[in-house]
C-alpha atoms as a PDB file:
ATOM      1  CA  MET A   1      11.276 -22.294  22.217  1.00  0.00           C
ATOM      2  CA  PHE A   2      14.730 -22.152  20.745  1.00  0.00           C
ATOM      3  CA  ALA A   3      16.966 -19.121  20.274  1.00  0.00           C
ATOM      4  CA  TYR A   4      19.365 -18.852  17.368  1.00  0.00           C
ATOM      5  CA  THR A   5      22.034 -16.501  16.189  1.00  0.00           C
ATOM      6  CA  ARG A   6      21.822 -15.392  12.565  1.00  0.00           C
ATOM      7  CA  ARG A   7      24.306 -18.167  11.725  1.00  0.00           C
ATOM      8  CA  GLY A   8      22.393 -20.854  13.613  1.00  0.00           C
ATOM      9  CA  ILE A   9      19.045 -20.015  12.064  1.00  0.00           C
ATOM     10  CA  VAL A  10      20.248 -21.272   8.663  1.00  0.00           C
ATOM     11  CA  ARG A  11      20.372 -24.876   9.893  1.00  0.00           C
ATOM     12  CA  TYR A  12      16.811 -24.558  11.116  1.00  0.00           C
ATOM     13  CA  ILE A  13      15.491 -22.903   7.942  1.00  0.00           C
ATOM     14  CA  ALA A  14      17.303 -25.366   5.662  1.00  0.00           C
ATOM     15  CA  SER A  15      15.486 -28.312   7.238  1.00  0.00           C
ATOM     16  CA  PRO A  16      13.088 -30.209   4.978  1.00  0.00           C
ATOM     17  CA  TRP A  17       9.681 -28.564   5.448  1.00  0.00           C
ATOM     18  CA  ARG A  18       6.478 -30.035   4.050  1.00  0.00           C
ATOM     19  CA  ARG A  19       4.965 -26.616   3.519  1.00  0.00           C
ATOM     20  CA  GLN A  20       5.895 -23.965   0.969  1.00  0.00           C
ATOM     21  CA  TRP A  21       5.438 -20.265   1.677  1.00  0.00           C
ATOM     22  CA  ASP A  22       4.587 -17.342  -0.606  1.00  0.00           C
ATOM     23  CA  GLU A  23       5.297 -14.292   1.526  1.00  0.00           C
ATOM     24  CA  ILE A  24       6.867 -12.939   4.679  1.00  0.00           C
ATOM     25  CA  ILE A  25       4.895 -10.565   6.889  1.00  0.00           C
ATOM     26  CA  ILE A  26       6.755  -8.376   9.373  1.00  0.00           C
ATOM     27  CA  HIS A  27       5.216  -7.389  12.717  1.00  0.00           C
ATOM     28  CA  HIS A  28       6.215  -5.716  15.963  1.00  0.00           C
ATOM     29  CA  THR A  29       5.060  -6.636  19.444  1.00  0.00           C
ATOM     30  CA  PHE A  30       4.016  -3.061  20.357  1.00  0.00           C
ATOM     31  CA  ARG A  31       4.161  -4.338  23.948  1.00  0.00           C
ATOM     32  CA  PRO A  32       6.643  -5.403  25.255  1.00  0.00           C
ATOM     33  CA  THR A  33       8.858  -2.554  24.109  1.00  0.00           C
ATOM     34  CA  VAL A  34      12.601  -2.374  23.589  1.00  0.00           C
ATOM     35  CA  LYS A  35      12.760  -0.524  26.925  1.00  0.00           C
ATOM     36  CA  ASP A  36      10.955  -3.442  28.593  1.00  0.00           C
ATOM     37  CA  PHE A  37      13.538  -5.802  27.099  1.00  0.00           C
ATOM     38  CA  GLU A  38      16.379  -3.584  28.319  1.00  0.00           C
ATOM     39  CA  ARG A  39      14.964  -3.786  31.853  1.00  0.00           C
ATOM     40  CA  ARG A  40      14.704  -7.563  31.561  1.00  0.00           C
ATOM     41  CA  PRO A  41      17.028  -8.750  28.752  1.00  0.00           C
ATOM     42  CA  ASN A  42      15.809 -12.316  28.692  1.00  0.00           C
ATOM     43  CA  GLY A  43      14.322 -13.436  25.378  1.00  0.00           C
ATOM     44  CA  ALA A  44      13.005 -16.706  26.816  1.00  0.00           C
ATOM     45  CA  TYR A  45      11.041 -14.739  29.426  1.00  0.00           C
ATOM     46  CA  TRP A  46       9.415 -12.568  26.749  1.00  0.00           C
ATOM     47  CA  MET A  47       8.670 -15.572  24.525  1.00  0.00           C
ATOM     48  CA  LYS A  48       6.885 -17.317  27.414  1.00  0.00           C
ATOM     49  CA  ALA A  49       4.908 -14.132  28.126  1.00  0.00           C
ATOM     50  CA  MET A  50       3.955 -13.829  24.456  1.00  0.00           C
ATOM     51  CA  ASP A  51       2.995 -17.500  24.329  1.00  0.00           C
ATOM     52  CA  ARG A  52       0.723 -17.020  27.356  1.00  0.00           C
ATOM     53  CA  VAL A  53      -1.013 -13.975  25.823  1.00  0.00           C
ATOM     54  CA  HIS A  54      -1.481 -15.675  22.449  1.00  0.00           C
ATOM     55  CA  ARG A  55      -2.920 -18.806  24.080  1.00  0.00           C
ATOM     56  CA  LEU A  56      -5.420 -16.619  25.955  1.00  0.00           C
ATOM     57  CA  LYS A  57      -6.527 -15.363  22.519  1.00  0.00           C
ATOM     58  CA  GLY A  58      -7.105 -18.985  21.486  1.00  0.00           C
ATOM     59  CA  TRP A  59      -4.199 -19.132  19.047  1.00  0.00           C
ATOM     60  CA  GLY A  60      -2.626 -22.360  20.295  1.00  0.00           C
ATOM     61  CA  GLY A  61       0.677 -20.645  21.091  1.00  0.00           C
ATOM     62  CA  ILE A  62       2.803 -17.895  19.644  1.00  0.00           C
ATOM     63  CA  GLY A  63       1.261 -16.741  16.392  1.00  0.00           C
ATOM     64  CA  TYR A  64       4.554 -15.817  14.694  1.00  0.00           C
ATOM     65  CA  HIS A  65       7.048 -18.214  13.184  1.00  0.00           C
ATOM     66  CA  PHE A  66       9.992 -16.082  14.317  1.00  0.00           C
ATOM     67  CA  VAL A  67      10.578 -13.357  16.899  1.00  0.00           C
ATOM     68  CA  VAL A  68      13.675 -11.162  16.691  1.00  0.00           C
ATOM     69  CA  MET A  69      14.823  -9.816  20.050  1.00  0.00           C
ATOM     70  CA  PRO A  70      16.457  -6.388  20.452  1.00  0.00           C
ATOM     71  CA  ASP A  71      19.819  -8.094  21.090  1.00  0.00           C
ATOM     72  CA  GLY A  72      19.599  -9.850  17.697  1.00  0.00           C
ATOM     73  CA  LEU A  73      18.772 -13.366  18.891  1.00  0.00           C
ATOM     74  CA  ILE A  74      16.094 -15.034  16.809  1.00  0.00           C
ATOM     75  CA  TYR A  75      13.481 -17.228  18.490  1.00  0.00           C
ATOM     76  CA  VAL A  76      11.285 -19.773  16.764  1.00  0.00           C
ATOM     77  CA  GLY A  77       7.638 -19.383  17.731  1.00  0.00           C
ATOM     78  CA  ARG A  78       5.836 -21.813  15.403  1.00  0.00           C
ATOM     79  CA  ASP A  79       7.596 -24.293  13.218  1.00  0.00           C
ATOM     80  CA  LEU A  80       7.466 -23.795   9.479  1.00  0.00           C
ATOM     81  CA  ASN A  81       5.114 -26.753   8.944  1.00  0.00           C
ATOM     82  CA  THR A  82       2.379 -24.904  10.835  1.00  0.00           C
ATOM     83  CA  GLY A  83       0.250 -22.026   9.649  1.00  0.00           C
ATOM     84  CA  GLY A  84       0.551 -18.866  11.678  1.00  0.00           C
ATOM     85  CA  ALA A  85      -1.872 -16.774  13.711  1.00  0.00           C
ATOM     86  CA  HIS A  86      -0.579 -13.348  12.782  1.00  0.00           C
ATOM     87  CA  THR A  87      -2.385 -11.921   9.741  1.00  0.00           C
ATOM     88  CA  VAL A  88      -6.003 -12.697   8.890  1.00  0.00           C
ATOM     89  CA  GLY A  89      -6.202 -14.163   5.390  1.00  0.00           C
ATOM     90  CA  HIS A  90      -2.445 -14.775   5.182  1.00  0.00           C
ATOM     91  CA  ASN A  91      -1.716 -17.234   7.972  1.00  0.00           C
ATOM     92  CA  MET A  92      -1.449 -20.199   5.604  1.00  0.00           C
ATOM     93  CA  THR A  93       0.628 -18.389   2.954  1.00  0.00           C
ATOM     94  CA  GLY A  94       2.761 -16.002   4.995  1.00  0.00           C
ATOM     95  CA  ILE A  95       5.627 -16.555   7.392  1.00  0.00           C
ATOM     96  CA  GLY A  96       5.133 -14.302  10.417  1.00  0.00           C
ATOM     97  CA  VAL A  97       8.277 -12.490  11.567  1.00  0.00           C
ATOM     98  CA  CYS A  98       7.966 -10.260  14.613  1.00  0.00           C
ATOM     99  CA  ILE A  99      10.464  -7.829  16.121  1.00  0.00           C
ATOM    100  CA  LEU A 100      10.133  -7.182  19.844  1.00  0.00           C
ATOM    101  CA  GLY A 101       9.477  -3.482  20.363  1.00  0.00           C
ATOM    102  CA  ASN A 102       7.134  -0.581  19.673  1.00  0.00           C
ATOM    103  CA  PHE A 103       8.365   0.975  16.464  1.00  0.00           C
ATOM    104  CA  ASP A 104       5.764   3.699  16.512  1.00  0.00           C
ATOM    105  CA  GLU A 105       7.847   5.208  19.328  1.00  0.00           C
ATOM    106  CA  GLU A 106      11.223   3.423  19.274  1.00  0.00           C
ATOM    107  CA  ASP A 107      13.868   2.759  16.641  1.00  0.00           C
ATOM    108  CA  VAL A 108      14.697  -0.829  15.805  1.00  0.00           C
ATOM    109  CA  PRO A 109      17.947  -1.641  17.628  1.00  0.00           C
ATOM    110  CA  PRO A 110      20.867  -2.202  15.215  1.00  0.00           C
ATOM    111  CA  ASN A 111      21.394  -5.870  16.211  1.00  0.00           C
ATOM    112  CA  ALA A 112      17.712  -6.604  15.694  1.00  0.00           C
ATOM    113  CA  TYR A 113      17.687  -4.870  12.303  1.00  0.00           C
ATOM    114  CA  VAL A 114      20.690  -6.857  11.061  1.00  0.00           C
ATOM    115  CA  SER A 115      19.108 -10.109  12.279  1.00  0.00           C
ATOM    116  CA  LEU A 116      15.813  -9.173  10.613  1.00  0.00           C
ATOM    117  CA  LYS A 117      17.533  -8.510   7.264  1.00  0.00           C
ATOM    118  CA  TYR A 118      19.410 -11.809   7.369  1.00  0.00           C
ATOM    119  CA  LEU A 119      16.477 -13.851   8.655  1.00  0.00           C
ATOM    120  CA  VAL A 120      14.190 -12.567   5.891  1.00  0.00           C
ATOM    121  CA  SER A 121      16.960 -13.038   3.310  1.00  0.00           C
ATOM    122  CA  PHE A 122      17.542 -16.629   4.447  1.00  0.00           C
ATOM    123  CA  LEU A 123      13.796 -17.317   4.224  1.00  0.00           C
ATOM    124  CA  ILE A 124      13.650 -15.858   0.713  1.00  0.00           C
ATOM    125  CA  ILE A 125      16.613 -18.019  -0.317  1.00  0.00           C
ATOM    126  CA  ARG A 126      15.034 -21.148   1.178  1.00  0.00           C
ATOM    127  CA  PHE A 127      11.558 -20.577  -0.285  1.00  0.00           C
ATOM    128  CA  GLU A 128      12.478 -18.563  -3.377  1.00  0.00           C
ATOM    129  CA  GLU A 129      10.665 -20.829  -5.818  1.00  0.00           C
ATOM    130  CA  ASN A 130       7.431 -19.480  -4.302  1.00  0.00           C
ATOM    131  CA  MET A 131       8.725 -16.010  -3.426  1.00  0.00           C
ATOM    132  CA  TRP A 132       9.306 -15.209  -7.073  1.00  0.00           C
ATOM    133  CA  MET A 133       9.728 -11.464  -6.613  1.00  0.00           C
ATOM    134  CA  LYS A 134      12.220 -11.918  -3.780  1.00  0.00           C
ATOM    135  CA  GLU A 135      12.224  -8.733  -1.677  1.00  0.00           C
ATOM    136  CA  LYS A 136       8.717  -7.868  -2.893  1.00  0.00           C
ATOM    137  CA  ALA A 137       7.497 -10.997  -1.144  1.00  0.00           C
ATOM    138  CA  VAL A 138       8.021  -8.997   2.059  1.00  0.00           C
ATOM    139  CA  TYR A 139       5.050  -7.156   3.540  1.00  0.00           C
ATOM    140  CA  PHE A 140       4.178  -5.235   6.650  1.00  0.00           C
ATOM    141  CA  HIS A 141       1.184  -6.307   8.729  1.00  0.00           C
ATOM    142  CA  ARG A 142      -0.383  -2.870   8.208  1.00  0.00           C
ATOM    143  CA  GLN A 143      -0.853  -3.679   4.525  1.00  0.00           C
ATOM    144  CA  PHE A 144      -3.463  -6.235   5.553  1.00  0.00           C
ATOM    145  CA  ALA A 145      -4.956  -4.717   8.716  1.00  0.00           C
ATOM    146  CA  ARG A 146      -5.895  -1.317  10.112  1.00  0.00           C
ATOM    147  CA  LYS A 147      -2.825  -1.114  12.328  1.00  0.00           C
ATOM    148  CA  SER A 148       0.506   0.666  12.355  1.00  0.00           C
ATOM    149  CA  CYS A 149       2.313  -2.677  12.652  1.00  0.00           C
ATOM    150  CA  PRO A 150       5.319  -2.992  12.516  1.00  0.00           C
ATOM    151  CA  GLY A 151       5.406   0.660  13.507  1.00  0.00           C
ATOM    152  CA  TRP A 152       5.395   3.927  11.595  1.00  0.00           C
ATOM    153  CA  ARG A 153       9.154   4.374  12.044  1.00  0.00           C
ATOM    154  CA  LEU A 154       9.710   1.490   9.631  1.00  0.00           C
ATOM    155  CA  LYS A 155       9.273   2.179   5.923  1.00  0.00           C
ATOM    156  CA  LEU A 156       8.515  -0.804   3.690  1.00  0.00           C
ATOM    157  CA  ASP A 157      10.559   0.439   0.726  1.00  0.00           C
ATOM    158  CA  GLU A 158      13.591   0.969   2.975  1.00  0.00           C
ATOM    159  CA  VAL A 159      13.263  -2.474   4.544  1.00  0.00           C
ATOM    160  CA  ARG A 160      12.849  -4.149   1.137  1.00  0.00           C
ATOM    161  CA  ALA A 161      15.908  -2.265  -0.187  1.00  0.00           C
ATOM    162  CA  ALA A 162      17.968  -3.293   2.871  1.00  0.00           C
ATOM    163  CA  ILE A 163      16.951  -6.922   2.332  1.00  0.00           C
ATOM    164  CA  ALA A 164      17.838  -6.695  -1.378  1.00  0.00           C
ATOM    165  CA  ARG A 165      21.313  -5.377  -0.427  1.00  0.00           C
ATOM    166  CA  THR A 166      21.692  -8.189   2.133  1.00  0.00           C
ATOM    167  CA  LEU A 167      20.621 -11.036  -0.180  1.00  0.00           C
ATOM    168  CA  PRO A 168      23.974 -11.564  -1.994  1.00  0.00           C
ATOM    169  CA  ASP A 169      25.924 -11.881   1.270  1.00  0.00           C
ATOM    170  CA  ALA A 170      23.141 -13.936   2.848  1.00  0.00           C
ATOM    171  CA  ARG A 171      23.167 -16.313  -0.129  1.00  0.00           C
ATOM    172  CA  GLU A 172      26.935 -16.839   0.265  1.00  0.00           C
ATOM    173  CA  ARG A 173      26.625 -17.404   4.017  1.00  0.00           C
ATOM    174  CA  TYR A 174      23.656 -19.740   3.570  1.00  0.00           C
ATOM    175  CA  GLN A 175      25.478 -21.862   0.976  1.00  0.00           C
ATOM    176  CA  ALA A 176      28.760 -21.878   2.927  1.00  0.00           C
ATOM    177  CA  LEU A 177      27.041 -23.039   6.075  1.00  0.00           C
ATOM    178  CA  LEU A 178      25.176 -25.792   4.246  1.00  0.00           C
ATOM    179  CA  GLU A 179      28.394 -26.911   2.533  1.00  0.00           C
ATOM    180  CA  GLY A 180      30.138 -26.983   5.918  1.00  0.00           C
ATOM    181  CA  GLU A 181      27.343 -29.147   7.312  1.00  0.00           C
ATOM    182  CA  LYS A 182      27.847 -31.728   4.546  1.00  0.00           C
ATOM    183  CA  GLN A 183      31.579 -32.129   5.238  1.00  0.00           C
END
């Protein structure tokens, strides 16, 4: 399990992947909560705990491709060549992005929200030939399951609008980082 800053995640996403993706599905952990993370601010610890729980469910490891921690660090759960185990009927077409926390009861921490916006924007940029409607390629888990996930405090239209506002800057950062890698 690797942790990345928003800047570092671009190198990972820009890698040559065999698989193409059509959508991004946002989740929350429900448990652990942001308060749990504040008591033990160690993303690697929570990723190992999540991995253990998901393996007990028979999922072969963490079901999400990415997990955003409350402090803004982004962890890779499954690589982008592997289907997820996060949304029935969409695991082979949708990238699973999870934010650690219970957003029925808690607000998304600012660092996590910024990382989420940039992560999703970078994914849209990387896979945009398939994600033809850009920010409308973003869904909440609750659209596909009888759950509140990623929490009732998050509104899909607001998240899509925030991603749309982030895309121009994300595109510049993405390109600049890739250009810097080539030099």
